[in-house]
Amino acid sequence: MKGVFISIEGIEGTGKSTQAGLLAEHLRGQGLPVVQTLEPGGTPIGLKIRELLLSLESAGMDSVVELLLYNASRVQHIREVIIPALGRGAVVITDRFSDSTVAYQGFGRGIDLKLIDSLDAIGTNRLRPDLTILLDIDVETGLMRNRHINKRDRLELEDVRFHEEVRKGFLRIAAGEPDRIRIVDCSTGVEEVHRRISVLADDFIKRSGR
């Protein structure tokens, strides 16, 4: 049986990691094999790249270097984790995938979208999630949430305008692929957001017959 590939996307402070974990627990409770992972990271090599990308000491990193590092982590992630898990028939839940690169490096950094697409074609061979959950919230609230939990990394230090452009990017991507990407307002409580995500995932898996 072919597996199911689900990604959780969104700007800073939307609770992606929390919701990915809750969804994984929900689906395991139904007896489904689940692999939960994240980007950048997911592999030993990817985690080293993650540390470099998010470190406050990398403040001077060039935007193209950033783009290439995200893609390098993703290639390793796909080859080592995602493809094998899907081949075993598992549900793969990833905290971020290619849409984040388009939103952050494309819309946020202003790197040419055609260049990003060309690199993505090489790195992913056009692999796309079957279902993407886009958690949406206003930028100020998202950043405030992260400040409350003391989360600080290189991207957190970007100005509000950058994060606004990233959010616009995600919403534009979603508007272009409504069949794959479902937007969930995450301004409500954790349990309500989890309920909405679970309904979307259950419905998709049921309809796909997997």
N, C-alpha and C. Protein backbone atom coordinates (compact mmCIF):
# COMPACT_ATOMS: atom_id res chain seq x y z
N MET A 1 0.83 -1.20 0.00
CA MET A 1 0.00 0.00 0.00
C MET A 1 0.87 1.25 0.00
N LYS A 2 0.54 2.21 -0.83
CA LYS A 2 1.26 3.48 -0.85
C LYS A 2 0.92 4.27 0.40
N GLY A 3 1.94 4.91 0.95
CA GLY A 3 1.71 5.71 2.14
C GLY A 3 1.02 7.02 1.83
N VAL A 4 0.83 7.82 2.88
CA VAL A 4 0.21 9.14 2.77
C VAL A 4 1.20 10.17 3.30
N PHE A 5 1.40 11.22 2.53
CA PHE A 5 2.37 12.26 2.87
C PHE A 5 1.62 13.54 3.26
N ILE A 6 1.76 13.95 4.53
CA ILE A 6 1.08 15.14 5.05
C ILE A 6 2.11 16.14 5.55
N SER A 7 1.97 17.39 5.15
CA SER A 7 2.85 18.44 5.68
C SER A 7 2.04 19.45 6.47
N ILE A 8 2.68 19.99 7.50
CA ILE A 8 2.10 21.05 8.33
C ILE A 8 2.93 22.31 8.07
N GLU A 9 2.29 23.38 7.60
CA GLU A 9 3.01 24.60 7.24
C GLU A 9 2.46 25.81 7.99
N GLY A 10 3.21 26.91 7.92
CA GLY A 10 2.74 28.13 8.54
C GLY A 10 3.89 29.02 8.98
N ILE A 11 3.56 30.25 9.33
CA ILE A 11 4.56 31.20 9.80
C ILE A 11 4.98 30.86 11.23
N GLU A 12 5.87 31.68 11.78
CA GLU A 12 6.33 31.46 13.15
C GLU A 12 5.17 31.59 14.14
N GLY A 13 5.16 30.71 15.14
CA GLY A 13 4.18 30.82 16.21
C GLY A 13 2.82 30.22 15.93
N THR A 14 2.70 29.44 14.88
CA THR A 14 1.41 28.83 14.56
C THR A 14 1.20 27.48 15.27
N GLY A 15 2.22 26.97 15.92
CA GLY A 15 2.08 25.71 16.65
C GLY A 15 2.21 24.48 15.78
N LYS A 16 3.01 24.56 14.73
CA LYS A 16 3.16 23.44 13.80
C LYS A 16 3.66 22.17 14.49
N SER A 17 4.71 22.31 15.30
CA SER A 17 5.29 21.13 15.96
C SER A 17 4.28 20.47 16.89
N THR A 18 3.56 21.29 17.65
CA THR A 18 2.54 20.75 18.55
C THR A 18 1.47 20.02 17.78
N GLN A 19 0.98 20.63 16.71
CA GLN A 19 -0.10 20.01 15.93
C GLN A 19 0.37 18.78 15.18
N ALA A 20 1.61 18.77 14.72
CA ALA A 20 2.14 17.58 14.05
C ALA A 20 2.17 16.41 15.03
N GLY A 21 2.59 16.68 16.27
CA GLY A 21 2.63 15.63 17.28
C GLY A 21 1.25 15.12 17.64
N LEU A 22 0.29 16.03 17.78
CA LEU A 22 -1.07 15.63 18.12
C LEU A 22 -1.71 14.82 16.99
N LEU A 23 -1.45 15.23 15.75
CA LEU A 23 -2.00 14.48 14.61
C LEU A 23 -1.39 13.09 14.54
N ALA A 24 -0.09 12.99 14.77
CA ALA A 24 0.58 11.69 14.75
C ALA A 24 -0.03 10.76 15.80
N GLU A 25 -0.25 11.30 17.01
CA GLU A 25 -0.86 10.52 18.08
C GLU A 25 -2.27 10.08 17.71
N HIS A 26 -3.03 10.99 17.10
CA HIS A 26 -4.41 10.69 16.69
C HIS A 26 -4.44 9.55 15.67
N LEU A 27 -3.58 9.61 14.68
CA LEU A 27 -3.59 8.59 13.63
C LEU A 27 -3.05 7.25 14.13
N ARG A 28 -2.06 7.30 15.02
CA ARG A 28 -1.57 6.04 15.62
C ARG A 28 -2.68 5.38 16.43
N GLY A 29 -3.52 6.21 17.04
CA GLY A 29 -4.64 5.68 17.81
C GLY A 29 -5.64 4.93 16.94
N GLN A 30 -5.60 5.19 15.64
CA GLN A 30 -6.46 4.47 14.70
C GLN A 30 -5.77 3.25 14.11
N GLY A 31 -4.59 2.96 14.62
CA GLY A 31 -3.85 1.79 14.16
C GLY A 31 -3.02 2.01 12.92
N LEU A 32 -2.83 3.27 12.52
CA LEU A 32 -2.05 3.56 11.33
C LEU A 32 -0.56 3.70 11.67
N PRO A 33 0.32 3.20 10.80
CA PRO A 33 1.76 3.41 11.01
C PRO A 33 2.10 4.86 10.65
N VAL A 34 2.74 5.57 11.56
CA VAL A 34 3.02 6.99 11.37
C VAL A 34 4.50 7.29 11.58
N VAL A 35 5.06 8.09 10.70
CA VAL A 35 6.41 8.62 10.87
C VAL A 35 6.30 10.14 10.98
N GLN A 36 6.70 10.68 12.12
CA GLN A 36 6.68 12.13 12.33
C GLN A 36 8.08 12.68 12.17
N THR A 37 8.22 13.74 11.38
CA THR A 37 9.54 14.29 11.10
C THR A 37 9.45 15.81 10.94
N LEU A 38 10.56 16.44 10.57
CA LEU A 38 10.56 17.90 10.46
C LEU A 38 11.65 18.38 9.51
N GLU A 39 11.48 19.65 9.08
CA GLU A 39 12.50 20.31 8.25
C GLU A 39 12.77 21.70 8.78
N PRO A 40 14.02 22.19 8.65
CA PRO A 40 15.17 21.38 8.25
C PRO A 40 15.51 20.40 9.35
N GLY A 41 15.99 19.25 8.98
CA GLY A 41 16.30 18.21 9.95
C GLY A 41 15.81 16.87 9.47
N GLY A 42 15.34 16.06 10.40
CA GLY A 42 14.79 14.76 10.04
C GLY A 42 15.81 13.66 9.92
N THR A 43 17.08 14.02 9.76
CA THR A 43 18.19 13.06 9.64
C THR A 43 19.37 13.64 10.41
N PRO A 44 20.37 12.83 10.74
CA PRO A 44 21.56 13.37 11.41
C PRO A 44 22.23 14.50 10.62
N ILE A 45 22.34 14.32 9.30
CA ILE A 45 22.93 15.38 8.47
C ILE A 45 22.03 16.60 8.46
N GLY A 46 20.72 16.37 8.31
CA GLY A 46 19.77 17.47 8.29
C GLY A 46 19.77 18.27 9.58
N LEU A 47 19.95 17.60 10.71
CA LEU A 47 19.96 18.31 11.99
C LEU A 47 21.19 19.20 12.12
N LYS A 48 22.30 18.76 11.56
CA LYS A 48 23.50 19.62 11.56
C LYS A 48 23.27 20.86 10.70
N ILE A 49 22.60 20.66 9.55
CA ILE A 49 22.26 21.80 8.69
C ILE A 49 21.29 22.72 9.41
N ARG A 50 20.32 22.14 10.12
CA ARG A 50 19.34 22.94 10.86
C ARG A 50 20.03 23.86 11.86
N GLU A 51 20.98 23.28 12.60
CA GLU A 51 21.70 24.06 13.60
C GLU A 51 22.41 25.26 12.95
N LEU A 52 23.02 25.02 11.81
CA LEU A 52 23.71 26.09 11.09
C LEU A 52 22.73 27.15 10.59
N LEU A 53 21.60 26.72 10.06
CA LEU A 53 20.61 27.64 9.50
C LEU A 53 19.97 28.53 10.56
N LEU A 54 19.67 27.97 11.72
CA LEU A 54 18.90 28.70 12.73
C LEU A 54 19.75 29.37 13.80
N SER A 55 21.05 29.08 13.81
CA SER A 55 21.91 29.65 14.83
C SER A 55 21.97 31.17 14.73
N LEU A 56 21.95 31.85 15.87
CA LEU A 56 22.10 33.30 15.90
C LEU A 56 23.47 33.72 15.39
N GLU A 57 24.43 32.79 15.42
CA GLU A 57 25.78 33.08 14.93
C GLU A 57 25.84 33.11 13.40
N SER A 58 24.76 32.67 12.74
CA SER A 58 24.71 32.66 11.28
C SER A 58 23.99 33.88 10.72
N ALA A 59 23.98 34.97 11.49
CA ALA A 59 23.22 36.16 11.09
C ALA A 59 23.66 36.72 9.74
N GLY A 60 24.92 36.52 9.37
CA GLY A 60 25.41 37.06 8.11
C GLY A 60 25.26 36.13 6.91
N MET A 61 24.48 35.06 7.06
CA MET A 61 24.34 34.09 5.98
C MET A 61 23.68 34.72 4.75
N ASP A 62 24.25 34.49 3.59
CA ASP A 62 23.69 34.97 2.33
C ASP A 62 22.39 34.21 2.03
N SER A 63 21.45 34.89 1.41
CA SER A 63 20.14 34.30 1.14
C SER A 63 20.22 33.09 0.22
N VAL A 64 21.13 33.12 -0.75
CA VAL A 64 21.26 31.98 -1.66
C VAL A 64 21.89 30.79 -0.94
N VAL A 65 22.84 31.06 -0.06
CA VAL A 65 23.42 29.99 0.76
C VAL A 65 22.31 29.34 1.60
N GLU A 66 21.47 30.17 2.19
CA GLU A 66 20.34 29.69 2.98
C GLU A 66 19.45 28.77 2.13
N LEU A 67 19.12 29.22 0.93
CA LEU A 67 18.28 28.44 0.02
C LEU A 67 18.90 27.08 -0.28
N LEU A 68 20.19 27.08 -0.58
CA LEU A 68 20.88 25.83 -0.93
C LEU A 68 20.95 24.87 0.26
N LEU A 69 21.14 25.42 1.45
CA LEU A 69 21.20 24.57 2.64
C LEU A 69 19.85 23.92 2.94
N TYR A 70 18.78 24.68 2.79
CA TYR A 70 17.45 24.09 2.99
C TYR A 70 17.22 22.95 2.00
N ASN A 71 17.61 23.16 0.77
CA ASN A 71 17.44 22.12 -0.25
C ASN A 71 18.31 20.91 0.03
N ALA A 72 19.53 21.15 0.51
CA ALA A 72 20.43 20.03 0.83
C ALA A 72 19.84 19.18 1.95
N SER A 73 19.31 19.83 2.98
CA SER A 73 18.67 19.09 4.06
C SER A 73 17.48 18.28 3.54
N ARG A 74 16.71 18.89 2.64
CA ARG A 74 15.51 18.22 2.11
C ARG A 74 15.85 16.98 1.28
N VAL A 75 16.89 17.07 0.48
CA VAL A 75 17.30 15.91 -0.32
C VAL A 75 17.61 14.73 0.59
N GLN A 76 18.40 14.97 1.63
CA GLN A 76 18.76 13.90 2.57
C GLN A 76 17.51 13.37 3.27
N HIS A 77 16.63 14.26 3.63
CA HIS A 77 15.38 13.92 4.32
C HIS A 77 14.51 13.00 3.46
N ILE A 78 14.36 13.37 2.20
CA ILE A 78 13.55 12.58 1.28
C ILE A 78 14.13 11.19 1.08
N ARG A 79 15.43 11.14 0.81
CA ARG A 79 16.08 9.85 0.50
C ARG A 79 16.12 8.93 1.72
N GLU A 80 16.38 9.52 2.89
CA GLU A 80 16.63 8.70 4.07
C GLU A 80 15.38 8.38 4.88
N VAL A 81 14.40 9.29 4.86
CA VAL A 81 13.23 9.12 5.72
C VAL A 81 11.92 9.00 4.94
N ILE A 82 11.62 10.00 4.11
CA ILE A 82 10.28 10.10 3.54
C ILE A 82 9.97 8.99 2.54
N ILE A 83 10.82 8.80 1.55
CA ILE A 83 10.57 7.78 0.53
C ILE A 83 10.49 6.37 1.14
N PRO A 84 11.45 5.98 1.99
CA PRO A 84 11.33 4.64 2.61
C PRO A 84 10.05 4.47 3.42
N ALA A 85 9.65 5.48 4.16
CA ALA A 85 8.43 5.37 4.98
C ALA A 85 7.18 5.25 4.11
N LEU A 86 7.10 6.06 3.06
CA LEU A 86 5.96 5.96 2.15
C LEU A 86 5.93 4.60 1.47
N GLY A 87 7.10 4.08 1.16
CA GLY A 87 7.18 2.76 0.54
C GLY A 87 6.67 1.65 1.44
N ARG A 88 6.78 1.87 2.76
CA ARG A 88 6.28 0.88 3.73
C ARG A 88 4.79 1.05 4.00
N GLY A 89 4.18 2.08 3.39
CA GLY A 89 2.76 2.32 3.59
C GLY A 89 2.44 3.18 4.80
N ALA A 90 3.44 3.89 5.33
CA ALA A 90 3.22 4.72 6.51
C ALA A 90 2.61 6.07 6.15
N VAL A 91 2.01 6.70 7.16
CA VAL A 91 1.61 8.09 7.05
C VAL A 91 2.80 8.92 7.52
N VAL A 92 3.33 9.75 6.63
CA VAL A 92 4.45 10.62 6.98
C VAL A 92 3.92 12.01 7.27
N ILE A 93 4.21 12.52 8.46
CA ILE A 93 3.81 13.88 8.84
C ILE A 93 5.06 14.70 9.03
N THR A 94 5.24 15.71 8.20
CA THR A 94 6.42 16.56 8.32
C THR A 94 6.05 17.98 8.72
N ASP A 95 6.80 18.51 9.65
CA ASP A 95 6.70 19.90 10.06
C ASP A 95 7.56 20.69 9.07
N ARG A 96 6.93 21.23 8.04
CA ARG A 96 7.51 21.98 6.92
C ARG A 96 8.00 21.06 5.79
N PHE A 97 7.89 21.60 4.56
CA PHE A 97 8.43 20.96 3.36
C PHE A 97 8.67 22.07 2.34
N SER A 98 8.56 21.77 1.06
CA SER A 98 8.93 22.72 0.01
C SER A 98 8.17 24.04 0.04
N ASP A 99 6.92 24.03 0.47
CA ASP A 99 6.15 25.27 0.52
C ASP A 99 6.83 26.32 1.40
N SER A 100 7.50 25.87 2.45
CA SER A 100 8.21 26.81 3.32
C SER A 100 9.33 27.51 2.58
N THR A 101 10.02 26.79 1.71
CA THR A 101 11.11 27.39 0.95
C THR A 101 10.57 28.46 0.01
N VAL A 102 9.47 28.18 -0.64
CA VAL A 102 8.86 29.18 -1.54
C VAL A 102 8.44 30.41 -0.73
N ALA A 103 7.81 30.17 0.42
CA ALA A 103 7.30 31.29 1.23
C ALA A 103 8.43 32.12 1.84
N TYR A 104 9.40 31.45 2.44
CA TYR A 104 10.46 32.18 3.16
C TYR A 104 11.54 32.72 2.23
N GLN A 105 12.10 31.84 1.39
CA GLN A 105 13.19 32.30 0.53
C GLN A 105 12.68 33.02 -0.71
N GLY A 106 11.50 32.64 -1.20
CA GLY A 106 10.93 33.30 -2.36
C GLY A 106 10.26 34.60 -2.00
N PHE A 107 9.16 34.52 -1.27
CA PHE A 107 8.40 35.72 -0.93
C PHE A 107 9.08 36.56 0.15
N GLY A 108 9.69 35.90 1.13
CA GLY A 108 10.34 36.63 2.21
C GLY A 108 11.66 37.25 1.80
N ARG A 109 12.55 36.46 1.21
CA ARG A 109 13.88 36.94 0.82
C ARG A 109 13.89 37.61 -0.55
N GLY A 110 12.90 37.28 -1.37
CA GLY A 110 12.84 37.87 -2.70
C GLY A 110 13.66 37.15 -3.75
N ILE A 111 14.05 35.90 -3.48
CA ILE A 111 14.78 35.11 -4.47
C ILE A 111 13.82 34.71 -5.59
N ASP A 112 14.31 34.71 -6.81
CA ASP A 112 13.48 34.42 -7.98
C ASP A 112 12.77 33.07 -7.82
N LEU A 113 11.47 33.07 -8.01
CA LEU A 113 10.68 31.85 -7.82
C LEU A 113 11.01 30.78 -8.84
N LYS A 114 11.44 31.18 -10.03
CA LYS A 114 11.82 30.19 -11.04
C LYS A 114 13.09 29.45 -10.62
N LEU A 115 14.02 30.18 -10.00
CA LEU A 115 15.24 29.54 -9.49
C LEU A 115 14.89 28.55 -8.39
N ILE A 116 14.03 28.97 -7.48
CA ILE A 116 13.61 28.08 -6.40
C ILE A 116 12.93 26.83 -6.95
N ASP A 117 12.10 27.01 -7.96
CA ASP A 117 11.40 25.88 -8.57
C ASP A 117 12.38 24.93 -9.25
N SER A 118 13.39 25.47 -9.90
CA SER A 118 14.38 24.63 -10.58
C SER A 118 15.16 23.78 -9.56
N LEU A 119 15.56 24.40 -8.46
CA LEU A 119 16.26 23.66 -7.41
C LEU A 119 15.36 22.61 -6.78
N ASP A 120 14.10 22.95 -6.60
CA ASP A 120 13.15 22.01 -6.02
C ASP A 120 12.96 20.79 -6.92
N ALA A 121 12.93 21.03 -8.22
CA ALA A 121 12.77 19.92 -9.17
C ALA A 121 13.93 18.93 -9.05
N ILE A 122 15.14 19.48 -8.85
CA ILE A 122 16.31 18.62 -8.68
C ILE A 122 16.26 17.89 -7.34
N GLY A 123 15.95 18.64 -6.29
CA GLY A 123 16.01 18.08 -4.95
C GLY A 123 14.89 17.12 -4.59
N THR A 124 13.69 17.38 -5.08
CA THR A 124 12.53 16.56 -4.68
C THR A 124 12.01 15.66 -5.78
N ASN A 125 12.47 15.87 -7.00
CA ASN A 125 11.92 15.15 -8.16
C ASN A 125 10.41 15.33 -8.21
N ARG A 126 9.97 16.54 -7.81
CA ARG A 126 8.56 16.95 -7.80
C ARG A 126 7.70 16.19 -6.79
N LEU A 127 8.33 15.63 -5.77
CA LEU A 127 7.55 15.03 -4.70
C LEU A 127 6.78 16.12 -3.98
N ARG A 128 5.49 15.91 -3.77
CA ARG A 128 4.65 16.86 -3.06
C ARG A 128 3.81 16.12 -2.01
N PRO A 129 3.52 16.77 -0.92
CA PRO A 129 2.60 16.15 0.05
C PRO A 129 1.25 15.87 -0.60
N ASP A 130 0.60 14.80 -0.15
CA ASP A 130 -0.76 14.53 -0.61
C ASP A 130 -1.72 15.54 -0.01
N LEU A 131 -1.43 15.94 1.21
CA LEU A 131 -2.27 16.91 1.93
C LEU A 131 -1.37 17.85 2.71
N THR A 132 -1.63 19.15 2.58
CA THR A 132 -0.88 20.15 3.35
C THR A 132 -1.87 20.94 4.20
N ILE A 133 -1.56 21.01 5.49
CA ILE A 133 -2.35 21.82 6.42
C ILE A 133 -1.59 23.12 6.65
N LEU A 134 -2.17 24.23 6.22
CA LEU A 134 -1.55 25.54 6.43
C LEU A 134 -2.19 26.20 7.64
N LEU A 135 -1.42 26.31 8.70
CA LEU A 135 -1.89 26.97 9.91
C LEU A 135 -1.68 28.47 9.74
N ASP A 136 -2.76 29.23 9.88
CA ASP A 136 -2.68 30.67 9.60
C ASP A 136 -3.04 31.49 10.83
N ILE A 137 -2.28 32.56 11.02
CA ILE A 137 -2.50 33.48 12.13
C ILE A 137 -1.86 34.80 11.75
N ASP A 138 -2.28 35.90 12.38
CA ASP A 138 -1.63 37.17 12.07
C ASP A 138 -0.22 37.18 12.65
N VAL A 139 0.67 37.89 11.98
CA VAL A 139 2.09 37.86 12.29
C VAL A 139 2.38 38.29 13.73
N GLU A 140 1.79 39.37 14.17
CA GLU A 140 2.08 39.88 15.51
C GLU A 140 1.74 38.84 16.59
N THR A 141 0.60 38.17 16.43
CA THR A 141 0.21 37.16 17.40
C THR A 141 1.17 35.98 17.39
N GLY A 142 1.56 35.55 16.19
CA GLY A 142 2.49 34.43 16.07
C GLY A 142 3.83 34.73 16.73
N LEU A 143 4.38 35.90 16.45
CA LEU A 143 5.67 36.26 17.05
C LEU A 143 5.56 36.41 18.56
N MET A 144 4.44 36.95 19.02
CA MET A 144 4.23 37.09 20.46
C MET A 144 4.19 35.73 21.14
N ARG A 145 3.54 34.77 20.51
CA ARG A 145 3.48 33.42 21.08
C ARG A 145 4.89 32.88 21.28
N ASN A 146 5.76 33.06 20.27
CA ASN A 146 7.11 32.54 20.39
C ASN A 146 7.92 33.28 21.45
N ARG A 147 7.67 34.57 21.60
CA ARG A 147 8.36 35.31 22.65
C ARG A 147 7.94 34.79 24.03
N HIS A 148 6.68 34.40 24.16
CA HIS A 148 6.19 33.90 25.44
C HIS A 148 6.84 32.58 25.83
N ILE A 149 7.23 31.78 24.83
CA ILE A 149 7.90 30.50 25.15
C ILE A 149 9.41 30.62 24.99
N ASN A 150 9.89 31.86 24.86
CA ASN A 150 11.34 32.12 24.80
C ASN A 150 12.02 31.49 23.59
N LYS A 151 11.31 31.34 22.50
CA LYS A 151 11.90 30.76 21.28
C LYS A 151 12.65 31.85 20.52
N ARG A 152 13.94 31.62 20.31
CA ARG A 152 14.76 32.59 19.59
C ARG A 152 15.66 31.85 18.61
N ASP A 153 15.56 32.20 17.34
CA ASP A 153 16.50 31.70 16.35
C ASP A 153 16.70 32.79 15.30
N ARG A 154 17.49 32.50 14.30
CA ARG A 154 17.87 33.53 13.33
C ARG A 154 16.66 34.11 12.60
N LEU A 155 15.69 33.28 12.29
CA LEU A 155 14.50 33.76 11.57
C LEU A 155 13.59 34.60 12.48
N GLU A 156 13.59 34.26 13.77
CA GLU A 156 12.78 35.04 14.71
C GLU A 156 13.20 36.50 14.75
N LEU A 157 14.47 36.76 14.43
CA LEU A 157 14.99 38.12 14.55
C LEU A 157 14.68 38.99 13.32
N GLU A 158 14.10 38.38 12.28
CA GLU A 158 13.72 39.17 11.11
C GLU A 158 12.60 40.14 11.48
N ASP A 159 12.53 41.27 10.74
CA ASP A 159 11.51 42.26 11.08
C ASP A 159 10.11 41.79 10.68
N VAL A 160 9.12 42.52 11.16
CA VAL A 160 7.72 42.14 10.94
C VAL A 160 7.39 42.12 9.45
N ARG A 161 7.96 43.04 8.68
CA ARG A 161 7.69 43.09 7.24
C ARG A 161 8.06 41.77 6.57
N PHE A 162 9.22 41.22 6.94
CA PHE A 162 9.65 39.93 6.39
C PHE A 162 8.59 38.86 6.66
N HIS A 163 8.14 38.77 7.90
CA HIS A 163 7.16 37.74 8.26
C HIS A 163 5.81 37.97 7.59
N GLU A 164 5.47 39.24 7.37
CA GLU A 164 4.23 39.55 6.63
C GLU A 164 4.32 39.03 5.20
N GLU A 165 5.48 39.21 4.58
CA GLU A 165 5.66 38.72 3.21
C GLU A 165 5.60 37.20 3.15
N VAL A 166 6.17 36.56 4.16
CA VAL A 166 6.12 35.10 4.22
C VAL A 166 4.67 34.62 4.33
N ARG A 167 3.90 35.27 5.20
CA ARG A 167 2.49 34.89 5.34
C ARG A 167 1.74 35.08 4.02
N LYS A 168 1.96 36.21 3.36
CA LYS A 168 1.33 36.44 2.05
C LYS A 168 1.71 35.34 1.07
N GLY A 169 2.98 34.93 1.14
CA GLY A 169 3.45 33.88 0.25
C GLY A 169 2.71 32.57 0.48
N PHE A 170 2.58 32.18 1.73
CA PHE A 170 1.85 30.95 2.04
C PHE A 170 0.41 31.02 1.53
N LEU A 171 -0.24 32.14 1.75
CA LEU A 171 -1.63 32.27 1.32
C LEU A 171 -1.76 32.25 -0.20
N ARG A 172 -0.76 32.81 -0.89
CA ARG A 172 -0.79 32.77 -2.35
C ARG A 172 -0.58 31.35 -2.86
N ILE A 173 0.34 30.62 -2.23
CA ILE A 173 0.56 29.22 -2.60
C ILE A 173 -0.73 28.42 -2.40
N ALA A 174 -1.38 28.64 -1.27
CA ALA A 174 -2.62 27.92 -0.96
C ALA A 174 -3.72 28.23 -1.96
N ALA A 175 -3.79 29.50 -2.37
CA ALA A 175 -4.82 29.89 -3.33
C ALA A 175 -4.62 29.19 -4.67
N GLY A 176 -3.37 28.88 -4.99
CA GLY A 176 -3.07 28.23 -6.26
C GLY A 176 -3.25 26.73 -6.24
N GLU A 177 -3.32 26.12 -5.04
CA GLU A 177 -3.47 24.66 -4.93
C GLU A 177 -4.51 24.31 -3.87
N PRO A 178 -5.76 24.70 -4.08
CA PRO A 178 -6.79 24.47 -3.06
C PRO A 178 -7.11 23.00 -2.81
N ASP A 179 -6.85 22.13 -3.77
CA ASP A 179 -7.13 20.71 -3.57
C ASP A 179 -6.13 20.07 -2.61
N ARG A 180 -4.89 20.57 -2.62
CA ARG A 180 -3.85 20.00 -1.74
C ARG A 180 -3.77 20.72 -0.40
N ILE A 181 -3.89 22.03 -0.42
CA ILE A 181 -3.63 22.84 0.77
C ILE A 181 -4.92 23.30 1.42
N ARG A 182 -5.06 22.98 2.69
CA ARG A 182 -6.24 23.39 3.46
C ARG A 182 -5.79 24.35 4.56
N ILE A 183 -6.43 25.50 4.62
CA ILE A 183 -6.06 26.52 5.60
C ILE A 183 -6.86 26.32 6.88
N VAL A 184 -6.16 26.34 8.02
CA VAL A 184 -6.79 26.22 9.32
C VAL A 184 -6.41 27.43 10.16
N ASP A 185 -7.41 28.18 10.61
CA ASP A 185 -7.18 29.32 11.50
C ASP A 185 -6.68 28.79 12.84
N CYS A 186 -5.48 29.19 13.24
CA CYS A 186 -4.93 28.66 14.50
C CYS A 186 -4.93 29.70 15.61
N SER A 187 -5.82 30.69 15.50
CA SER A 187 -5.93 31.69 16.56
C SER A 187 -6.74 31.18 17.73
N THR A 188 -7.41 30.03 17.54
CA THR A 188 -8.20 29.43 18.62
C THR A 188 -7.29 28.54 19.47
N GLY A 189 -7.88 27.81 20.41
CA GLY A 189 -7.10 26.95 21.30
C GLY A 189 -6.50 25.75 20.59
N VAL A 190 -5.50 25.16 21.23
CA VAL A 190 -4.78 24.01 20.66
C VAL A 190 -5.72 22.86 20.34
N GLU A 191 -6.64 22.56 21.24
CA GLU A 191 -7.53 21.41 21.04
C GLU A 191 -8.48 21.62 19.87
N GLU A 192 -8.97 22.85 19.70
CA GLU A 192 -9.87 23.13 18.58
C GLU A 192 -9.13 23.03 17.25
N VAL A 193 -7.92 23.54 17.21
CA VAL A 193 -7.11 23.43 15.98
C VAL A 193 -6.84 21.97 15.68
N HIS A 194 -6.51 21.20 16.70
CA HIS A 194 -6.26 19.77 16.52
C HIS A 194 -7.50 19.06 15.98
N ARG A 195 -8.66 19.43 16.50
CA ARG A 195 -9.91 18.80 16.03
C ARG A 195 -10.11 19.06 14.54
N ARG A 196 -9.88 20.30 14.12
CA ARG A 196 -10.07 20.64 12.70
C ARG A 196 -9.08 19.90 11.81
N ILE A 197 -7.83 19.83 12.26
CA ILE A 197 -6.81 19.12 11.48
C ILE A 197 -7.15 17.64 11.39
N SER A 198 -7.58 17.05 12.49
CA SER A 198 -7.91 15.62 12.51
C SER A 198 -9.04 15.31 11.55
N VAL A 199 -10.04 16.17 11.50
CA VAL A 199 -11.17 15.97 10.58
C VAL A 199 -10.67 16.00 9.14
N LEU A 200 -9.81 16.96 8.82
CA LEU A 200 -9.28 17.06 7.46
C LEU A 200 -8.45 15.84 7.09
N ALA A 201 -7.59 15.40 8.01
CA ALA A 201 -6.74 14.25 7.74
C ALA A 201 -7.55 12.96 7.62
N ASP A 202 -8.50 12.77 8.54
CA ASP A 202 -9.34 11.56 8.50
C ASP A 202 -10.13 11.49 7.20
N ASP A 203 -10.69 12.62 6.81
CA ASP A 203 -11.49 12.67 5.59
C ASP A 203 -10.62 12.37 4.37
N PHE A 204 -9.42 12.94 4.34
CA PHE A 204 -8.54 12.71 3.19
C PHE A 204 -8.15 11.24 3.10
N ILE A 205 -7.73 10.67 4.20
CA ILE A 205 -7.29 9.28 4.20
C ILE A 205 -8.44 8.35 3.81
N LYS A 206 -9.63 8.64 4.32
CA LYS A 206 -10.80 7.83 3.97
C LYS A 206 -11.12 7.91 2.49
N ARG A 207 -11.12 9.14 1.94
CA ARG A 207 -11.46 9.31 0.53
C ARG A 207 -10.41 8.73 -0.40
N SER A 208 -9.16 8.74 0.05
CA SER A 208 -8.09 8.22 -0.80
C SER A 208 -8.02 6.71 -0.78
N GLY A 209 -8.74 6.10 0.17
CA GLY A 209 -8.79 4.65 0.23
C GLY A 209 -7.51 4.01 0.70
N ARG A 210 -6.71 4.79 1.44
CA ARG A 210 -5.43 4.25 1.91
C ARG A 210 -5.49 3.84 3.36
